[in-house]
Amino acid sequence: MHIHDFARNAADAVNHHNPDAVVALWAEPAAYDSPLTGPQTGLATLRAREEALFAGFSDLHATITPLGQDGDTGAMLVRFDGTHDGSYAGLNPTGRTIALEMVAIVTFNHTGHVTSERVFLDPTTVAAQLTA
């Protein structure tokens, strides 16, 4: 899969709050690493993470801009906008809106599925937006 296709499909899956569609873009080991979650692996963990995100932000919207690809590795700019109106990551709903930007590096396997994603973001900005 090319990063442009993945960005379009991932944004569509997130914007429809469809964890099945998100998981369908991935393959094991489904390795994910973010300053917010730390390292995680597995499709079941991916599904749980997406379901928690959708529960915590019922109006979550993703804008994903592909930045480029070299071989099986691609980069994209991801922006999440939404209202923290549900419990998320142990935080009670604040009703605050978020606007988070991050860079994600993804690796594709030979079938075009993502096998890993590493996210770069500023945790201080996230904490400031999620705490009252």
C-alpha atoms as a PDB file:
ATOM      1  CA  MET A   1       0.000   0.000   0.000  1.00  0.00           C
ATOM      2  CA  HIS A   2       1.200   3.500  -0.650  1.00  0.00           C
ATOM      3  CA  ILE A   3       1.164   6.108   2.121  1.00  0.00           C
ATOM      4  CA  HIS A   4      -1.385   8.183   0.171  1.00  0.00           C
ATOM      5  CA  ASP A   5      -3.855   5.274   0.089  1.00  0.00           C
ATOM      6  CA  PHE A   6      -3.249   4.449   3.718  1.00  0.00           C
ATOM      7  CA  ALA A   7      -3.736   8.083   4.804  1.00  0.00           C
ATOM      8  CA  ARG A   8      -7.050   8.303   2.941  1.00  0.00           C
ATOM      9  CA  ASN A   9      -8.308   4.934   4.247  1.00  0.00           C
ATOM     10  CA  ALA A  10      -7.170   5.578   7.823  1.00  0.00           C
ATOM     11  CA  ALA A  11      -8.797   9.022   7.932  1.00  0.00           C
ATOM     12  CA  ASP A  12     -12.029   7.556   6.563  1.00  0.00           C
ATOM     13  CA  ALA A  13     -11.994   4.756   9.172  1.00  0.00           C
ATOM     14  CA  VAL A  14     -11.328   7.158  12.048  1.00  0.00           C
ATOM     15  CA  ASN A  15     -13.851   9.730  10.847  1.00  0.00           C
ATOM     16  CA  HIS A  16     -16.528   7.028  10.684  1.00  0.00           C
ATOM     17  CA  HIS A  17     -15.434   5.762  14.121  1.00  0.00           C
ATOM     18  CA  ASN A  18     -15.054   2.293  12.657  1.00  0.00           C
ATOM     19  CA  PRO A  19     -12.539   0.160  14.581  1.00  0.00           C
ATOM     20  CA  ASP A  20     -13.084  -2.760  12.160  1.00  0.00           C
ATOM     21  CA  ALA A  21     -11.964  -0.586   9.241  1.00  0.00           C
ATOM     22  CA  VAL A  22      -8.910   0.616  11.197  1.00  0.00           C
ATOM     23  CA  VAL A  23      -7.885  -2.936  12.105  1.00  0.00           C
ATOM     24  CA  ALA A  24      -8.388  -4.072   8.482  1.00  0.00           C
ATOM     25  CA  LEU A  25      -5.518  -1.778   7.447  1.00  0.00           C
ATOM     26  CA  TRP A  26      -3.087  -3.589   9.764  1.00  0.00           C
ATOM     27  CA  ALA A  27      -1.381  -6.970  10.105  1.00  0.00           C
ATOM     28  CA  GLU A  28       0.435  -8.613  12.982  1.00  0.00           C
ATOM     29  CA  PRO A  29       2.602  -7.853  14.838  1.00  0.00           C
ATOM     30  CA  ALA A  30       0.700  -4.537  14.775  1.00  0.00           C
ATOM     31  CA  ALA A  31       3.469  -2.822  16.705  1.00  0.00           C
ATOM     32  CA  TYR A  32       2.567   0.680  17.888  1.00  0.00           C
ATOM     33  CA  ASP A  33       4.638   3.133  19.898  1.00  0.00           C
ATOM     34  CA  SER A  34       3.565   6.559  21.149  1.00  0.00           C
ATOM     35  CA  PRO A  35       4.688   8.769  24.027  1.00  0.00           C
ATOM     36  CA  LEU A  36       1.094   8.508  25.307  1.00  0.00           C
ATOM     37  CA  THR A  37       0.764   4.718  25.337  1.00  0.00           C
ATOM     38  CA  GLY A  38       4.283   3.375  25.193  1.00  0.00           C
ATOM     39  CA  PRO A  39       4.951   0.291  23.074  1.00  0.00           C
ATOM     40  CA  GLN A  40       1.950  -1.906  22.278  1.00  0.00           C
ATOM     41  CA  THR A  41       1.480  -4.913  20.017  1.00  0.00           C
ATOM     42  CA  GLY A  42      -1.320  -6.942  18.521  1.00  0.00           C
ATOM     43  CA  LEU A  43      -4.495  -6.354  16.551  1.00  0.00           C
ATOM     44  CA  ALA A  44      -6.644  -6.815  19.672  1.00  0.00           C
ATOM     45  CA  THR A  45      -4.705  -4.052  21.416  1.00  0.00           C
ATOM     46  CA  LEU A  46      -5.082  -1.838  18.334  1.00  0.00           C
ATOM     47  CA  ARG A  47      -8.856  -2.383  18.345  1.00  0.00           C
ATOM     48  CA  ALA A  48      -9.107  -1.594  22.074  1.00  0.00           C
ATOM     49  CA  ARG A  49      -7.045   1.588  21.614  1.00  0.00           C
ATOM     50  CA  GLU A  50      -9.283   2.789  18.769  1.00  0.00           C
ATOM     51  CA  GLU A  51     -12.487   1.946  20.667  1.00  0.00           C
ATOM     52  CA  ALA A  52     -11.226   3.887  23.712  1.00  0.00           C
ATOM     53  CA  LEU A  53     -10.349   6.855  21.507  1.00  0.00           C
ATOM     54  CA  PHE A  54     -13.819   6.897  19.932  1.00  0.00           C
ATOM     55  CA  ALA A  55     -15.476   6.555  23.358  1.00  0.00           C
ATOM     56  CA  GLY A  56     -13.440   9.439  24.765  1.00  0.00           C
ATOM     57  CA  PHE A  57     -14.034  11.765  21.806  1.00  0.00           C
ATOM     58  CA  SER A  58     -17.447  11.134  20.257  1.00  0.00           C
ATOM     59  CA  ASP A  59     -16.896  13.752  17.546  1.00  0.00           C
ATOM     60  CA  LEU A  60     -13.265  12.875  16.810  1.00  0.00           C
ATOM     61  CA  HIS A  61     -12.124  13.920  13.344  1.00  0.00           C
ATOM     62  CA  ALA A  62      -8.799  13.017  11.728  1.00  0.00           C
ATOM     63  CA  THR A  63      -6.997  14.874   9.002  1.00  0.00           C
ATOM     64  CA  ILE A  64      -4.080  12.860   7.663  1.00  0.00           C
ATOM     65  CA  THR A  65      -1.574  14.321   5.234  1.00  0.00           C
ATOM     66  CA  PRO A  66       0.898  11.937   3.617  1.00  0.00           C
ATOM     67  CA  LEU A  67       4.449  13.291   3.693  1.00  0.00           C
ATOM     68  CA  GLY A  68       6.293  10.695   1.654  1.00  0.00           C
ATOM     69  CA  GLN A  69       7.400   7.103   1.358  1.00  0.00           C
ATOM     70  CA  ASP A  70      10.694   5.310   0.858  1.00  0.00           C
ATOM     71  CA  GLY A  71      10.353   1.591   0.186  1.00  0.00           C
ATOM     72  CA  ASP A  72       8.023   0.077   2.746  1.00  0.00           C
ATOM     73  CA  THR A  73       8.182   3.051   5.166  1.00  0.00           C
ATOM     74  CA  GLY A  74       5.962   6.114   4.965  1.00  0.00           C
ATOM     75  CA  ALA A  75       5.446   9.281   6.973  1.00  0.00           C
ATOM     76  CA  MET A  76       2.327  11.322   7.580  1.00  0.00           C
ATOM     77  CA  LEU A  77       1.110  14.323   9.538  1.00  0.00           C
ATOM     78  CA  VAL A  78      -1.932  13.438  11.641  1.00  0.00           C
ATOM     79  CA  ARG A  79      -4.274  15.947  13.239  1.00  0.00           C
ATOM     80  CA  PHE A  80      -7.037  14.950  15.641  1.00  0.00           C
ATOM     81  CA  ASP A  81      -9.808  17.401  16.505  1.00  0.00           C
ATOM     82  CA  GLY A  82     -12.592  16.571  18.925  1.00  0.00           C
ATOM     83  CA  THR A  83     -14.331  17.073  22.233  1.00  0.00           C
ATOM     84  CA  HIS A  84     -13.194  15.160  25.316  1.00  0.00           C
ATOM     85  CA  ASP A  85     -16.716  14.073  26.260  1.00  0.00           C
ATOM     86  CA  GLY A  86     -16.007  10.542  27.468  1.00  0.00           C
ATOM     87  CA  SER A  87     -13.511   8.861  29.750  1.00  0.00           C
ATOM     88  CA  TYR A  88     -10.130   8.455  28.078  1.00  0.00           C
ATOM     89  CA  ALA A  89      -6.811   7.181  29.409  1.00  0.00           C
ATOM     90  CA  GLY A  90      -8.131   7.317  32.953  1.00  0.00           C
ATOM     91  CA  LEU A  91      -9.218  10.948  32.587  1.00  0.00           C
ATOM     92  CA  ASN A  92     -12.805  11.906  33.250  1.00  0.00           C
ATOM     93  CA  PRO A  93     -14.471  13.927  30.479  1.00  0.00           C
ATOM     94  CA  THR A  94     -13.585  17.606  30.569  1.00  0.00           C
ATOM     95  CA  GLY A  95     -15.749  18.864  27.702  1.00  0.00           C
ATOM     96  CA  ARG A  96     -12.634  20.561  26.336  1.00  0.00           C
ATOM     97  CA  THR A  97     -11.787  20.476  22.666  1.00  0.00           C
ATOM     98  CA  ILE A  98      -8.501  19.103  21.437  1.00  0.00           C
ATOM     99  CA  ALA A  99      -6.423  19.888  18.392  1.00  0.00           C
ATOM    100  CA  LEU A 100      -3.481  17.496  18.399  1.00  0.00           C
ATOM    101  CA  GLU A 101      -0.856  17.208  15.707  1.00  0.00           C
ATOM    102  CA  MET A 102       1.619  14.395  15.416  1.00  0.00           C
ATOM    103  CA  VAL A 103       3.935  12.770  12.917  1.00  0.00           C
ATOM    104  CA  ALA A 104       3.520   9.050  12.345  1.00  0.00           C
ATOM    105  CA  ILE A 105       5.984   6.713  10.659  1.00  0.00           C
ATOM    106  CA  VAL A 106       4.399   3.514   9.337  1.00  0.00           C
ATOM    107  CA  THR A 107       5.880   0.341   7.875  1.00  0.00           C
ATOM    108  CA  PHE A 108       3.993  -1.774   5.344  1.00  0.00           C
ATOM    109  CA  ASN A 109       4.378  -5.501   4.751  1.00  0.00           C
ATOM    110  CA  HIS A 110       4.418  -7.192   1.317  1.00  0.00           C
ATOM    111  CA  THR A 111       0.585  -7.324   1.245  1.00  0.00           C
ATOM    112  CA  GLY A 112       0.269  -3.574   1.856  1.00  0.00           C
ATOM    113  CA  HIS A 113      -0.867  -3.778   5.482  1.00  0.00           C
ATOM    114  CA  VAL A 114       0.706  -1.699   8.221  1.00  0.00           C
ATOM    115  CA  THR A 115       2.797  -3.752  10.617  1.00  0.00           C
ATOM    116  CA  SER A 116       4.163  -0.918  12.731  1.00  0.00           C
ATOM    117  CA  GLU A 117       3.570   2.723  13.561  1.00  0.00           C
ATOM    118  CA  ARG A 118       5.687   5.077  15.618  1.00  0.00           C
ATOM    119  CA  VAL A 119       4.126   8.367  16.694  1.00  0.00           C
ATOM    120  CA  PHE A 120       5.957  11.565  17.542  1.00  0.00           C
ATOM    121  CA  LEU A 121       4.040  14.233  19.469  1.00  0.00           C
ATOM    122  CA  ASP A 122       4.421  16.641  22.355  1.00  0.00           C
ATOM    123  CA  PRO A 123       2.900  14.998  25.471  1.00  0.00           C
ATOM    124  CA  THR A 124       2.861  18.350  27.290  1.00  0.00           C
ATOM    125  CA  THR A 125       0.526  19.794  24.665  1.00  0.00           C
ATOM    126  CA  VAL A 126      -1.735  16.762  24.977  1.00  0.00           C
ATOM    127  CA  ALA A 127      -1.827  17.021  28.792  1.00  0.00           C
ATOM    128  CA  ALA A 128      -2.611  20.751  28.636  1.00  0.00           C
ATOM    129  CA  GLN A 129      -5.569  20.087  26.338  1.00  0.00           C
ATOM    130  CA  LEU A 130      -6.965  17.149  28.313  1.00  0.00           C
ATOM    131  CA  THR A 131      -6.780  18.536  31.831  1.00  0.00           C
ATOM    132  CA  ALA A 132      -9.067  21.172  33.222  1.00  0.00           C
END
